Amino acid sequence: MAGLNSSLVHLEEVGKLDNICKSILSKKQVLARILKGTIEAYENYSAEEIAEKFIEGEPKVNKVPVHRDEITGMNTEDNSETEGEVRYDVLFKAKVPDSDKDEEYIVNVESQGDYYTKYPLLSRAVYYCGRLLSAQKDKEFSNDNYQDIRKVHSIWVCLNGNDKTSKANENTIASYVFAKKDIYGKQQFKRTDYDLVEIIMICLGDEEEVDNELLACLGTFFSSKKDAETKKRILHDEHGIIFDSDIEREVDNMCNYGEYVLEKGEENATVKLLKNIMKNLNLPIDKALVVAEVPEDKWAMYKQLVLG
């Protein structure tokens, strides 16, 4: 039972860390830097201009259900028993610069703990874009007025990756879009008629080894190697982040919970190692602790975790 309780506490703390990541990504000055660093329409504007002039209202954090055909009315929850309460991490609208028709983008930002899951992450991103398009029916456009569909951007911030393929993608940003391919002859339809979806994958790595402003900024926010005060100094001095009490608290919490999650992860790995040694070598717990080179001051704790 002790092992189960430890696992549940660990999952709870991981959930808290995930919520902190979402909260940080929802801050307008962070979103402004993401828009500037990924979407061409904003590249010539400062982060301050983007936050003040183009990001509309307050971003919705973990409130809008993916499986509900609705963009407005963002506080509505989906209580489907079959699909669960899957929600967009961050969702907001952004005005399109230099538009004479009051155009807006619908922007979704997702925090992803691992590059690779049991499903292809890009496939999930495509699905999210499809949902964001269909949800505009009778909200952004009605009847057959498809020309009023808002372009959607789904931006994924990938934090971790331990396998070789993940390492190959560290410190990269890529855009995935619909593109025309002429098969025979040359068609003349306007690009704006089909250019309605963009997926952007941001794969973080060592922020000290990259000269890209966005990757360095986000990498510092989510670094597991820097303490809170170091993060705050770098983010303020090198990236222009203005720290109010809210964002300062989130950075502090991220460091505190991050340390806890790493510590619990190491504990779980040690428990697994001890159980394998006991099973495969047919050793009692006392000898397994010696073989695993567990410090003596932690023997009592690991005996409790292993034996319950």
Protein backbone atom coordinates (compact mmCIF):
# COMPACT_ATOMS: atom_id res chain seq x y z
CA MET A 1 0.00 0.00 0.00
CA ALA A 2 2.90 2.34 0.76
CA GLY A 3 4.22 1.86 -2.78
CA LEU A 4 0.80 2.60 -4.23
CA ASN A 5 0.45 5.75 -2.14
CA SER A 6 3.89 6.89 -3.25
CA SER A 7 2.94 6.38 -6.90
CA LEU A 8 -0.30 8.31 -6.46
CA VAL A 9 1.52 11.19 -4.79
CA HIS A 10 4.06 11.17 -7.61
CA LEU A 11 1.29 11.33 -10.23
CA GLU A 12 -0.37 14.17 -8.34
CA GLU A 13 2.85 16.16 -8.31
CA VAL A 14 3.42 15.46 -12.03
CA GLY A 15 -0.09 16.82 -12.65
CA LYS A 16 0.73 19.96 -10.69
CA LEU A 17 3.90 20.41 -12.72
CA ASP A 18 1.89 20.02 -15.94
CA ASN A 19 -0.54 22.71 -14.79
CA ILE A 20 2.35 25.05 -14.01
CA CYS A 21 3.72 24.52 -17.55
CA LYS A 22 0.32 25.40 -19.00
CA SER A 23 0.07 28.48 -16.81
CA ILE A 24 3.48 29.74 -17.91
CA LEU A 25 2.67 29.15 -21.58
CA SER A 26 -0.60 31.09 -21.19
CA LYS A 27 1.10 34.33 -20.10
CA LYS A 28 0.72 36.95 -22.81
CA GLN A 29 4.39 37.91 -22.84
CA VAL A 30 5.30 34.23 -23.34
CA LEU A 31 2.62 33.71 -26.01
CA ALA A 32 3.80 36.87 -27.76
CA ARG A 33 7.31 35.46 -28.04
CA ILE A 34 5.92 32.18 -29.36
CA LEU A 35 3.90 33.99 -32.04
CA LYS A 36 6.88 36.15 -33.00
CA GLY A 37 9.19 33.15 -33.24
CA THR A 38 6.87 30.85 -35.20
CA ILE A 39 4.25 32.71 -37.27
CA GLU A 40 5.51 34.83 -40.14
CA ALA A 41 2.85 37.54 -39.76
CA TYR A 42 4.28 38.59 -36.38
CA GLU A 43 8.02 38.37 -37.00
CA ASN A 44 8.50 42.13 -37.55
CA TYR A 45 6.70 43.15 -34.37
CA SER A 46 8.11 43.29 -30.86
CA ALA A 47 6.83 40.90 -28.23
CA GLU A 48 5.40 43.88 -26.37
CA GLU A 49 3.44 45.00 -29.44
CA ILE A 50 2.12 41.50 -30.06
CA ALA A 51 0.96 41.08 -26.46
CA GLU A 52 -0.71 44.49 -26.36
CA LYS A 53 -2.16 44.84 -29.87
CA PHE A 54 -2.81 41.38 -31.27
CA ILE A 55 -3.56 38.82 -28.54
CA GLU A 56 -7.25 39.18 -27.76
CA GLY A 57 -8.68 38.85 -24.26
CA GLU A 58 -7.35 36.39 -21.73
CA PRO A 59 -6.21 33.01 -23.07
CA LYS A 60 -8.34 30.07 -21.91
CA VAL A 61 -6.30 27.51 -19.97
CA ASN A 62 -7.54 23.92 -19.79
CA LYS A 63 -11.15 25.07 -20.20
CA VAL A 64 -12.24 24.38 -23.78
CA PRO A 65 -13.15 20.74 -24.55
CA VAL A 66 -11.56 19.21 -27.63
CA HIS A 67 -14.62 17.03 -28.20
CA ARG A 68 -17.21 19.78 -28.27
CA ASP A 69 -18.07 21.72 -31.42
CA GLU A 70 -17.81 25.09 -29.82
CA ILE A 71 -15.17 27.82 -29.76
CA THR A 72 -17.14 30.58 -28.06
CA GLY A 73 -18.69 29.82 -24.70
CA MET A 74 -15.23 28.63 -23.67
CA ASN A 75 -16.11 27.87 -20.04
CA THR A 76 -18.38 24.97 -21.02
CA GLU A 77 -17.17 21.54 -19.92
CA ASP A 78 -17.57 18.31 -21.82
CA ASN A 79 -18.79 15.57 -19.49
CA SER A 80 -18.74 12.78 -22.07
CA GLU A 81 -18.18 9.46 -20.30
CA THR A 82 -16.77 7.87 -23.43
CA GLU A 83 -14.29 10.53 -24.50
CA GLY A 84 -13.42 12.06 -21.14
CA GLU A 85 -12.61 15.68 -20.48
CA VAL A 86 -9.85 16.23 -23.01
CA ARG A 87 -9.22 19.97 -23.24
CA TYR A 88 -6.94 22.30 -25.11
CA ASP A 89 -4.05 23.43 -22.89
CA VAL A 90 -4.20 27.05 -24.07
CA LEU A 91 -6.61 28.58 -26.59
CA PHE A 92 -6.94 32.17 -27.73
CA LYS A 93 -7.55 34.43 -30.72
CA ALA A 94 -4.97 36.75 -32.24
CA LYS A 95 -5.57 39.59 -34.66
CA VAL A 96 -3.81 39.26 -38.00
CA PRO A 97 -1.38 42.19 -38.49
CA ASP A 98 -1.97 44.52 -41.43
CA SER A 99 -5.36 42.97 -42.17
CA ASP A 100 -8.04 45.23 -43.60
CA LYS A 101 -10.82 42.76 -42.79
CA ASP A 102 -10.36 42.36 -39.02
CA GLU A 103 -9.03 38.85 -39.58
CA GLU A 104 -8.18 36.65 -36.62
CA TYR A 105 -6.22 33.48 -36.08
CA ILE A 106 -7.37 30.80 -33.65
CA VAL A 107 -4.27 29.67 -31.77
CA ASN A 108 -3.88 26.55 -29.66
CA VAL A 109 -0.71 25.99 -27.62
CA GLU A 110 0.00 22.57 -26.11
CA SER A 111 2.59 21.56 -23.55
CA GLN A 112 3.91 18.05 -24.23
CA GLY A 113 6.08 16.28 -21.68
CA ASP A 114 7.49 13.74 -24.14
CA TYR A 115 8.25 13.99 -27.86
CA TYR A 116 7.06 10.43 -28.46
CA THR A 117 3.98 8.78 -27.03
CA LYS A 118 1.99 5.63 -27.87
CA TYR A 119 0.55 7.56 -30.80
CA PRO A 120 2.21 9.93 -33.33
CA LEU A 121 2.11 13.40 -31.81
CA LEU A 122 1.72 15.04 -35.20
CA SER A 123 -1.38 12.93 -35.86
CA ARG A 124 -2.89 14.24 -32.65
CA ALA A 125 -2.03 17.79 -33.70
CA VAL A 126 -3.78 17.25 -37.05
CA TYR A 127 -6.86 16.01 -35.20
CA TYR A 128 -6.85 19.08 -32.93
CA CYS A 129 -6.71 21.35 -35.97
CA GLY A 130 -9.64 19.48 -37.49
CA ARG A 131 -11.64 20.00 -34.33
CA LEU A 132 -10.76 23.70 -34.25
CA LEU A 133 -11.93 24.07 -37.84
CA SER A 134 -15.22 22.21 -37.43
CA ALA A 135 -15.96 23.97 -34.14
CA GLN A 136 -16.23 27.27 -36.04
CA LYS A 137 -19.49 26.20 -37.70
CA ASP A 138 -22.27 28.62 -36.64
CA LYS A 139 -19.73 30.53 -34.55
CA GLU A 140 -17.22 32.05 -36.94
CA PHE A 141 -19.16 31.21 -40.11
CA SER A 142 -22.68 30.08 -40.92
CA ASN A 143 -24.44 28.21 -43.71
CA ASP A 144 -22.03 27.85 -46.65
CA ASN A 145 -19.94 30.98 -45.96
CA TYR A 146 -16.71 29.00 -45.84
CA GLN A 147 -14.70 32.07 -46.79
CA ASP A 148 -15.16 33.20 -43.16
CA ILE A 149 -13.32 30.24 -41.65
CA ARG A 150 -10.50 31.41 -39.37
CA LYS A 151 -7.06 29.94 -39.88
CA VAL A 152 -5.97 27.73 -36.98
CA HIS A 153 -2.47 27.34 -35.58
CA SER A 154 -1.71 24.46 -33.23
CA ILE A 155 1.65 24.98 -31.54
CA TRP A 156 3.23 22.13 -29.57
CA VAL A 157 6.00 22.78 -27.06
CA CYS A 158 7.82 19.49 -26.44
CA LEU A 159 9.82 19.51 -23.23
CA ASN A 160 11.56 16.14 -22.95
CA GLY A 161 13.04 13.33 -24.98
CA ASN A 162 15.48 10.59 -24.01
CA ASP A 163 15.75 8.29 -27.02
CA LYS A 164 18.09 8.85 -29.98
CA THR A 165 15.36 10.13 -32.29
CA SER A 166 14.20 12.62 -29.67
CA LYS A 167 17.75 13.86 -29.21
CA ALA A 168 18.00 14.41 -32.97
CA ASN A 169 15.01 16.78 -32.80
CA GLU A 170 16.17 18.83 -29.81
CA ASN A 171 16.35 22.59 -30.33
CA THR A 172 14.30 22.54 -33.51
CA ILE A 173 11.17 24.32 -34.73
CA ALA A 174 9.19 23.07 -37.72
CA SER A 175 5.99 24.14 -39.45
CA TYR A 176 3.57 21.69 -41.10
CA VAL A 177 1.05 23.16 -43.55
CA PHE A 178 -1.25 22.31 -46.44
CA ALA A 179 0.62 22.75 -49.71
CA LYS A 180 -0.51 22.69 -53.34
CA LYS A 181 1.05 20.16 -55.70
CA ASP A 182 0.16 20.54 -59.37
CA ILE A 183 -0.31 17.07 -60.88
CA TYR A 184 -1.13 18.18 -64.42
CA GLY A 185 -1.18 21.76 -65.59
CA LYS A 186 -1.05 24.69 -63.19
CA GLN A 187 -4.07 25.69 -61.12
CA GLN A 188 -4.59 29.30 -60.08
CA PHE A 189 -6.64 29.09 -56.86
CA LYS A 190 -5.69 31.51 -54.10
CA ARG A 191 -3.47 30.12 -51.37
CA THR A 192 -5.66 31.78 -48.72
CA ASP A 193 -8.54 29.52 -49.79
CA TYR A 194 -6.77 26.40 -48.48
CA ASP A 195 -4.04 27.74 -46.19
CA LEU A 196 -6.21 27.35 -43.08
CA VAL A 197 -4.12 25.02 -40.92
CA GLU A 198 -0.61 25.23 -39.51
CA ILE A 199 0.99 22.88 -37.00
CA ILE A 200 4.17 24.06 -35.34
CA MET A 201 6.39 21.70 -33.36
CA ILE A 202 8.84 23.29 -30.93
CA CYS A 203 11.26 20.69 -29.55
CA LEU A 204 13.31 22.04 -26.67
CA GLY A 205 16.82 20.96 -25.76
CA ASP A 206 19.82 22.47 -24.00
CA GLU A 207 19.06 26.18 -23.97
CA GLU A 208 22.75 27.00 -23.59
CA GLU A 209 23.59 25.42 -26.95
CA VAL A 210 21.18 27.31 -29.21
CA ASP A 211 21.18 30.82 -30.65
CA ASN A 212 17.46 30.91 -31.40
CA GLU A 213 15.71 33.45 -29.15
CA LEU A 214 12.49 31.47 -28.69
CA LEU A 215 14.20 28.14 -27.99
CA ALA A 216 16.58 29.79 -25.53
CA CYS A 217 13.74 31.60 -23.73
CA LEU A 218 11.43 28.58 -23.44
CA GLY A 219 14.38 26.32 -22.66
CA THR A 220 15.27 28.55 -19.71
CA PHE A 221 11.69 28.55 -18.40
CA PHE A 222 11.52 24.75 -18.45
CA SER A 223 15.14 23.91 -17.65
CA SER A 224 15.68 21.24 -15.01
CA LYS A 225 19.29 22.35 -14.49
CA LYS A 226 18.75 25.92 -13.28
CA ASP A 227 17.41 27.12 -9.96
CA ALA A 228 14.61 29.68 -9.76
CA GLU A 229 16.81 32.73 -9.16
CA THR A 230 19.09 31.89 -12.08
CA LYS A 231 16.09 31.42 -14.35
CA LYS A 232 14.60 34.76 -13.32
CA ARG A 233 17.86 36.61 -13.94
CA ILE A 234 18.40 35.10 -17.39
CA LEU A 235 14.77 35.52 -18.46
CA HIS A 236 14.76 39.17 -17.38
CA ASP A 237 18.23 40.22 -18.49
CA GLU A 238 18.55 38.23 -21.73
CA HIS A 239 14.93 37.77 -22.86
CA GLY A 240 13.12 40.81 -21.51
CA ILE A 241 10.57 38.92 -19.40
CA ILE A 242 8.86 41.23 -16.92
CA PHE A 243 8.30 39.41 -13.63
CA ASP A 244 5.08 40.16 -11.78
CA SER A 245 4.09 38.20 -8.67
CA ASP A 246 2.12 35.68 -10.74
CA ILE A 247 4.84 34.59 -13.16
CA GLU A 248 7.47 34.72 -10.41
CA ARG A 249 5.38 32.33 -8.32
CA GLU A 250 5.00 29.95 -11.27
CA VAL A 251 8.75 29.83 -11.88
CA ASP A 252 9.34 29.15 -8.17
CA ASN A 253 6.68 26.42 -8.16
CA MET A 254 8.07 24.84 -11.31
CA CYS A 255 11.52 24.51 -9.76
CA ASN A 256 10.10 23.13 -6.50
CA TYR A 257 7.78 20.60 -8.13
CA GLY A 258 10.37 19.76 -10.78
CA GLU A 259 12.89 18.80 -8.13
CA TYR A 260 10.27 16.69 -6.36
CA VAL A 261 9.25 14.87 -9.53
CA LEU A 262 12.88 14.14 -10.45
CA GLU A 263 13.52 12.84 -6.94
CA LYS A 264 10.45 10.60 -7.03
CA GLY A 265 11.42 9.37 -10.48
CA GLU A 266 14.80 8.30 -9.12
CA GLU A 267 13.09 6.58 -6.18
CA ASN A 268 10.78 4.63 -8.48
CA ALA A 269 13.73 3.55 -10.63
CA THR A 270 15.62 2.34 -7.54
CA VAL A 271 12.59 0.39 -6.29
CA LYS A 272 12.30 -1.31 -9.68
CA LEU A 273 16.01 -2.14 -9.64
CA LEU A 274 15.81 -3.64 -6.14
CA LYS A 275 12.82 -5.81 -7.07
CA ASN A 276 14.65 -7.09 -10.15
CA ILE A 277 17.75 -7.92 -8.12
CA MET A 278 15.69 -9.77 -5.50
CA LYS A 279 13.83 -11.74 -8.16
CA ASN A 280 16.64 -12.53 -10.59
CA LEU A 281 19.42 -13.13 -8.04
CA ASN A 282 17.11 -14.58 -5.38
CA LEU A 283 18.47 -12.19 -2.76
CA PRO A 284 16.77 -10.76 0.33
CA ILE A 285 16.17 -7.03 0.51
CA ASP A 286 19.23 -6.39 2.76
CA LYS A 287 21.63 -7.90 0.23
CA ALA A 288 19.82 -6.29 -2.72
CA LEU A 289 20.38 -2.87 -1.12
CA VAL A 290 24.12 -3.58 -0.98
CA VAL A 291 24.26 -4.83 -4.56
CA ALA A 292 22.33 -1.73 -5.78
CA GLU A 293 24.74 0.50 -3.80
CA VAL A 294 21.87 2.28 -2.04
CA PRO A 295 23.19 4.65 0.69
CA GLU A 296 22.65 3.17 4.16
CA ASP A 297 20.70 6.20 5.37
CA LYS A 298 17.99 5.33 2.81
CA TRP A 299 17.73 1.61 3.53
CA ALA A 300 14.71 1.92 5.84
CA MET A 301 12.82 4.02 3.28
CA TYR A 302 13.48 1.60 0.42
CA LYS A 303 12.60 -1.43 2.53
CA GLN A 304 9.23 0.18 3.17
CA LEU A 305 8.73 1.04 -0.51
CA VAL A 306 9.72 -2.42 -1.73
CA LEU A 307 8.10 -4.60 0.93
CA GLY A 308 5.11 -2.35 1.75
